[in-house]
Amino acid sequence: ALLTSTIKLFFKRPPEVQKMLGRLLAKATEDVSSQDLHDRALMYYRLLSTAGDPKIVEQVVSKSPVIGGHGVNFAEEEDKEHRDALLEEFNTLSTLYGITSENFISEE
């Protein structure tokens, strides 16, 4: 959480956070006790060092997860009728796309 927060803070206040982020990335990439932290630090380092435009990195880092073209919602927030229609077509691509088959299969 500290690494992700520092990366996000870097895009808000770059001059103040740059040295701290550099030290944090160095420590995190040297530490192999947590593979997830090590891999995430390497990913951030490579993104920052290879991307020409920092705005691109900011977009990648600040994106919230999207599954099937829809934002991630709690089950209570979903439309019950839509969910029931998708469950009718459970073993089809409808569950991946998040829409019923009538919306993506054209009639011939």
N, C-alpha and C. Protein backbone atom coordinates (compact mmCIF):
# COMPACT_ATOMS: atom_id res chain seq x y z
N ALA A 1 0.82 -1.18 0.00
CA ALA A 1 0.00 0.00 0.00
C ALA A 1 0.87 1.26 0.00
N LEU A 2 2.01 1.18 0.69
CA LEU A 2 2.90 2.34 0.75
C LEU A 2 3.48 2.64 -0.63
N LEU A 3 3.84 1.62 -1.36
CA LEU A 3 4.41 1.81 -2.68
C LEU A 3 3.40 2.43 -3.64
N THR A 4 2.20 1.89 -3.66
CA THR A 4 1.16 2.42 -4.54
C THR A 4 0.80 3.85 -4.16
N SER A 5 0.69 4.12 -2.88
CA SER A 5 0.37 5.47 -2.42
C SER A 5 1.46 6.46 -2.80
N THR A 6 2.70 6.04 -2.67
CA THR A 6 3.81 6.93 -3.01
C THR A 6 3.84 7.21 -4.51
N ILE A 7 3.56 6.21 -5.32
CA ILE A 7 3.50 6.42 -6.77
C ILE A 7 2.40 7.43 -7.11
N LYS A 8 1.22 7.26 -6.51
CA LYS A 8 0.11 8.19 -6.78
C LYS A 8 0.44 9.59 -6.29
N LEU A 9 1.11 9.69 -5.14
CA LEU A 9 1.51 10.99 -4.62
C LEU A 9 2.55 11.64 -5.52
N PHE A 10 3.40 10.84 -6.13
CA PHE A 10 4.42 11.35 -7.05
C PHE A 10 3.79 12.14 -8.19
N PHE A 11 2.64 11.70 -8.67
CA PHE A 11 2.00 12.40 -9.78
C PHE A 11 1.32 13.69 -9.31
N LYS A 12 1.04 13.80 -8.04
CA LYS A 12 0.44 15.02 -7.50
C LYS A 12 1.50 16.06 -7.13
N ARG A 13 2.63 15.59 -6.57
CA ARG A 13 3.69 16.49 -6.10
C ARG A 13 5.06 15.93 -6.46
N PRO A 14 5.42 15.91 -7.74
CA PRO A 14 6.66 15.26 -8.19
C PRO A 14 7.95 15.75 -7.53
N PRO A 15 8.20 17.05 -7.42
CA PRO A 15 9.49 17.47 -6.88
C PRO A 15 9.71 17.01 -5.43
N GLU A 16 8.65 17.01 -4.65
CA GLU A 16 8.77 16.66 -3.24
C GLU A 16 8.90 15.15 -3.00
N VAL A 17 8.37 14.36 -3.91
CA VAL A 17 8.29 12.91 -3.70
C VAL A 17 9.35 12.14 -4.48
N GLN A 18 10.02 12.78 -5.43
CA GLN A 18 10.92 12.07 -6.33
C GLN A 18 12.02 11.31 -5.59
N LYS A 19 12.72 11.95 -4.66
CA LYS A 19 13.80 11.28 -3.93
C LYS A 19 13.26 10.13 -3.08
N MET A 20 12.15 10.38 -2.40
CA MET A 20 11.56 9.35 -1.56
C MET A 20 11.14 8.15 -2.40
N LEU A 21 10.54 8.41 -3.56
CA LEU A 21 10.11 7.33 -4.44
C LEU A 21 11.30 6.54 -4.95
N GLY A 22 12.38 7.23 -5.28
CA GLY A 22 13.60 6.55 -5.73
C GLY A 22 14.15 5.61 -4.68
N ARG A 23 14.21 6.10 -3.43
CA ARG A 23 14.70 5.24 -2.33
C ARG A 23 13.76 4.07 -2.09
N LEU A 24 12.47 4.31 -2.15
CA LEU A 24 11.48 3.26 -1.92
C LEU A 24 11.55 2.19 -3.01
N LEU A 25 11.67 2.61 -4.26
CA LEU A 25 11.78 1.64 -5.36
C LEU A 25 13.07 0.83 -5.24
N ALA A 26 14.17 1.49 -4.85
CA ALA A 26 15.44 0.78 -4.68
C ALA A 26 15.33 -0.29 -3.58
N LYS A 27 14.76 0.07 -2.46
CA LYS A 27 14.60 -0.88 -1.35
C LYS A 27 13.65 -2.01 -1.72
N ALA A 28 12.57 -1.67 -2.38
CA ALA A 28 11.56 -2.68 -2.71
C ALA A 28 12.08 -3.66 -3.76
N THR A 29 12.90 -3.19 -4.69
CA THR A 29 13.44 -4.11 -5.69
C THR A 29 14.57 -4.96 -5.13
N GLU A 30 15.26 -4.48 -4.12
CA GLU A 30 16.32 -5.27 -3.48
C GLU A 30 15.74 -6.33 -2.56
N ASP A 31 14.60 -6.05 -1.96
CA ASP A 31 13.98 -6.97 -1.00
C ASP A 31 13.26 -8.09 -1.74
N VAL A 32 13.70 -9.32 -1.53
CA VAL A 32 13.06 -10.46 -2.18
C VAL A 32 12.22 -11.28 -1.21
N SER A 33 12.02 -10.78 -0.02
CA SER A 33 11.21 -11.52 0.96
C SER A 33 9.73 -11.51 0.59
N SER A 34 9.29 -10.47 -0.11
CA SER A 34 7.92 -10.39 -0.58
C SER A 34 7.94 -10.29 -2.11
N GLN A 35 7.61 -11.39 -2.76
CA GLN A 35 7.68 -11.43 -4.23
C GLN A 35 6.70 -10.44 -4.87
N ASP A 36 5.52 -10.29 -4.28
CA ASP A 36 4.54 -9.36 -4.82
C ASP A 36 5.06 -7.92 -4.79
N LEU A 37 5.62 -7.53 -3.66
CA LEU A 37 6.18 -6.18 -3.53
C LEU A 37 7.33 -5.98 -4.51
N HIS A 38 8.19 -6.96 -4.61
CA HIS A 38 9.34 -6.89 -5.52
C HIS A 38 8.87 -6.72 -6.97
N ASP A 39 7.90 -7.54 -7.39
CA ASP A 39 7.39 -7.47 -8.75
C ASP A 39 6.68 -6.15 -9.04
N ARG A 40 5.91 -5.68 -8.07
CA ARG A 40 5.19 -4.41 -8.25
C ARG A 40 6.17 -3.25 -8.35
N ALA A 41 7.22 -3.27 -7.53
CA ALA A 41 8.23 -2.22 -7.58
C ALA A 41 8.96 -2.23 -8.92
N LEU A 42 9.28 -3.42 -9.43
CA LEU A 42 9.91 -3.51 -10.74
C LEU A 42 8.99 -3.00 -11.85
N MET A 43 7.72 -3.32 -11.74
CA MET A 43 6.76 -2.85 -12.74
C MET A 43 6.71 -1.32 -12.75
N TYR A 44 6.59 -0.72 -11.56
CA TYR A 44 6.54 0.74 -11.47
C TYR A 44 7.84 1.36 -11.99
N TYR A 45 8.96 0.77 -11.62
CA TYR A 45 10.25 1.29 -12.06
C TYR A 45 10.35 1.25 -13.58
N ARG A 46 9.98 0.13 -14.16
CA ARG A 46 10.06 -0.01 -15.62
C ARG A 46 9.08 0.92 -16.32
N LEU A 47 7.89 1.07 -15.75
CA LEU A 47 6.93 2.01 -16.34
C LEU A 47 7.49 3.43 -16.35
N LEU A 48 8.04 3.84 -15.21
CA LEU A 48 8.55 5.21 -15.10
C LEU A 48 9.79 5.42 -15.95
N SER A 49 10.64 4.40 -16.08
CA SER A 49 11.89 4.60 -16.81
C SER A 49 11.73 4.47 -18.33
N THR A 50 10.73 3.72 -18.79
CA THR A 50 10.60 3.51 -20.24
C THR A 50 9.53 4.38 -20.89
N ALA A 51 8.54 4.79 -20.15
CA ALA A 51 7.47 5.61 -20.74
C ALA A 51 8.00 7.02 -21.00
N GLY A 52 7.76 7.51 -22.19
CA GLY A 52 8.22 8.84 -22.53
C GLY A 52 7.40 9.93 -21.84
N ASP A 53 6.13 9.66 -21.67
CA ASP A 53 5.22 10.65 -21.09
C ASP A 53 4.75 10.17 -19.72
N PRO A 54 5.03 10.91 -18.66
CA PRO A 54 4.58 10.51 -17.33
C PRO A 54 3.05 10.44 -17.20
N LYS A 55 2.35 11.15 -18.07
CA LYS A 55 0.87 11.12 -18.02
C LYS A 55 0.36 9.72 -18.33
N ILE A 56 1.06 9.00 -19.22
CA ILE A 56 0.66 7.63 -19.55
C ILE A 56 0.80 6.73 -18.33
N VAL A 57 1.90 6.88 -17.61
CA VAL A 57 2.12 6.08 -16.41
C VAL A 57 1.06 6.41 -15.37
N GLU A 58 0.74 7.68 -15.24
CA GLU A 58 -0.29 8.09 -14.28
C GLU A 58 -1.63 7.45 -14.62
N GLN A 59 -1.97 7.38 -15.89
CA GLN A 59 -3.23 6.75 -16.30
C GLN A 59 -3.23 5.27 -15.97
N VAL A 60 -2.10 4.60 -16.20
CA VAL A 60 -2.01 3.16 -15.91
C VAL A 60 -2.13 2.91 -14.41
N VAL A 61 -1.45 3.70 -13.62
CA VAL A 61 -1.44 3.50 -12.18
C VAL A 61 -2.77 3.86 -11.54
N SER A 62 -3.42 4.90 -12.02
CA SER A 62 -4.64 5.37 -11.37
C SER A 62 -5.91 4.74 -11.90
N LYS A 63 -5.82 3.85 -12.85
CA LYS A 63 -7.02 3.19 -13.39
C LYS A 63 -7.63 2.29 -12.34
N SER A 64 -8.95 2.34 -12.24
CA SER A 64 -9.64 1.39 -11.39
C SER A 64 -9.99 0.18 -12.24
N PRO A 65 -10.07 -0.99 -11.63
CA PRO A 65 -10.29 -2.19 -12.43
C PRO A 65 -11.63 -2.19 -13.14
N VAL A 66 -11.61 -2.64 -14.38
CA VAL A 66 -12.82 -2.76 -15.18
C VAL A 66 -12.88 -4.19 -15.70
N ILE A 67 -13.99 -4.83 -15.47
CA ILE A 67 -14.16 -6.21 -15.91
C ILE A 67 -15.32 -6.25 -16.88
N GLY A 68 -15.07 -6.76 -18.06
CA GLY A 68 -16.13 -6.92 -19.05
C GLY A 68 -16.75 -5.61 -19.50
N GLY A 69 -15.99 -4.52 -19.45
CA GLY A 69 -16.51 -3.24 -19.90
C GLY A 69 -17.36 -2.53 -18.87
N HIS A 70 -17.51 -3.12 -17.70
CA HIS A 70 -18.31 -2.51 -16.63
C HIS A 70 -17.42 -2.33 -15.41
N GLY A 71 -17.70 -1.32 -14.62
CA GLY A 71 -16.97 -1.14 -13.38
C GLY A 71 -17.32 -2.25 -12.40
N VAL A 72 -16.47 -2.45 -11.44
CA VAL A 72 -16.70 -3.48 -10.44
C VAL A 72 -17.73 -2.97 -9.43
N ASN A 73 -18.81 -3.70 -9.27
CA ASN A 73 -19.88 -3.30 -8.36
C ASN A 73 -20.11 -4.38 -7.32
N PHE A 74 -20.76 -3.99 -6.24
CA PHE A 74 -21.22 -4.96 -5.27
C PHE A 74 -22.45 -5.66 -5.83
N ALA A 75 -22.70 -6.86 -5.38
CA ALA A 75 -23.83 -7.63 -5.88
C ALA A 75 -25.15 -6.91 -5.62
N GLU A 76 -25.26 -6.19 -4.51
CA GLU A 76 -26.49 -5.49 -4.18
C GLU A 76 -26.77 -4.34 -5.13
N GLU A 77 -25.73 -3.81 -5.77
CA GLU A 77 -25.89 -2.67 -6.66
C GLU A 77 -26.29 -3.07 -8.07
N GLU A 78 -26.17 -4.34 -8.39
CA GLU A 78 -26.46 -4.79 -9.74
C GLU A 78 -27.96 -4.91 -9.98
N ASP A 79 -28.31 -4.80 -11.22
CA ASP A 79 -29.70 -4.93 -11.63
C ASP A 79 -30.09 -6.41 -11.58
N LYS A 80 -31.09 -6.74 -10.78
CA LYS A 80 -31.50 -8.13 -10.59
C LYS A 80 -31.99 -8.76 -11.89
N GLU A 81 -32.74 -8.03 -12.68
CA GLU A 81 -33.25 -8.57 -13.94
C GLU A 81 -32.10 -8.87 -14.91
N HIS A 82 -31.14 -7.97 -14.96
CA HIS A 82 -29.99 -8.16 -15.84
C HIS A 82 -29.17 -9.38 -15.38
N ARG A 83 -28.95 -9.49 -14.09
CA ARG A 83 -28.20 -10.62 -13.54
C ARG A 83 -28.91 -11.93 -13.83
N ASP A 84 -30.23 -11.97 -13.67
CA ASP A 84 -30.99 -13.18 -13.94
C ASP A 84 -30.92 -13.56 -15.41
N ALA A 85 -30.96 -12.56 -16.29
CA ALA A 85 -30.86 -12.84 -17.73
C ALA A 85 -29.48 -13.42 -18.07
N LEU A 86 -28.43 -12.91 -17.42
CA LEU A 86 -27.10 -13.45 -17.65
C LEU A 86 -26.97 -14.88 -17.12
N LEU A 87 -27.61 -15.16 -16.00
CA LEU A 87 -27.55 -16.51 -15.44
C LEU A 87 -28.29 -17.52 -16.31
N GLU A 88 -29.26 -17.04 -17.08
CA GLU A 88 -29.95 -17.92 -18.03
C GLU A 88 -28.97 -18.40 -19.10
N GLU A 89 -27.99 -17.59 -19.42
CA GLU A 89 -27.01 -17.91 -20.46
C GLU A 89 -25.63 -18.13 -19.84
N PHE A 90 -25.58 -18.86 -18.74
CA PHE A 90 -24.35 -18.95 -17.94
C PHE A 90 -23.16 -19.53 -18.70
N ASN A 91 -23.31 -20.57 -19.47
CA ASN A 91 -22.18 -21.19 -20.16
C ASN A 91 -21.93 -20.60 -21.54
N THR A 92 -22.15 -19.32 -21.68
CA THR A 92 -21.91 -18.65 -22.95
C THR A 92 -20.98 -17.46 -22.73
N LEU A 93 -20.71 -16.74 -23.78
CA LEU A 93 -19.87 -15.54 -23.67
C LEU A 93 -20.58 -14.38 -23.00
N SER A 94 -21.86 -14.52 -22.78
CA SER A 94 -22.63 -13.44 -22.15
C SER A 94 -22.06 -13.06 -20.80
N THR A 95 -21.63 -14.04 -20.04
CA THR A 95 -21.09 -13.74 -18.70
C THR A 95 -19.78 -12.98 -18.79
N LEU A 96 -18.99 -13.22 -19.84
CA LEU A 96 -17.74 -12.48 -20.01
C LEU A 96 -17.98 -11.05 -20.46
N TYR A 97 -18.89 -10.88 -21.40
CA TYR A 97 -19.18 -9.55 -21.92
C TYR A 97 -20.07 -8.73 -20.98
N GLY A 98 -20.81 -9.41 -20.13
CA GLY A 98 -21.70 -8.71 -19.22
C GLY A 98 -22.98 -8.25 -19.88
N ILE A 99 -23.28 -8.78 -21.06
CA ILE A 99 -24.51 -8.45 -21.77
C ILE A 99 -25.13 -9.75 -22.29
N THR A 100 -26.41 -9.71 -22.54
CA THR A 100 -27.08 -10.91 -23.04
C THR A 100 -26.70 -11.14 -24.51
N SER A 101 -26.84 -12.38 -24.95
CA SER A 101 -26.39 -12.74 -26.30
C SER A 101 -27.14 -12.00 -27.39
N GLU A 102 -28.36 -11.58 -27.13
CA GLU A 102 -29.11 -10.85 -28.16
C GLU A 102 -28.45 -9.52 -28.49
N ASN A 103 -27.59 -9.01 -27.61
CA ASN A 103 -26.92 -7.73 -27.85
C ASN A 103 -25.64 -7.85 -28.66
N PHE A 104 -25.07 -9.07 -28.77
CA PHE A 104 -23.82 -9.18 -29.53
C PHE A 104 -23.84 -10.26 -30.61
N ILE A 105 -24.93 -10.98 -30.75
CA ILE A 105 -25.06 -11.97 -31.83
C ILE A 105 -26.05 -11.41 -32.83
N SER A 106 -25.61 -11.31 -34.07
CA SER A 106 -26.50 -10.79 -35.10
C SER A 106 -27.28 -11.93 -35.74
N GLU A 107 -28.51 -11.67 -36.05
CA GLU A 107 -29.34 -12.67 -36.70
C GLU A 107 -29.04 -12.66 -38.19
N GLU A 108 -29.02 -13.85 -38.76
CA GLU A 108 -28.71 -13.96 -40.19
C GLU A 108 -29.95 -14.14 -41.01
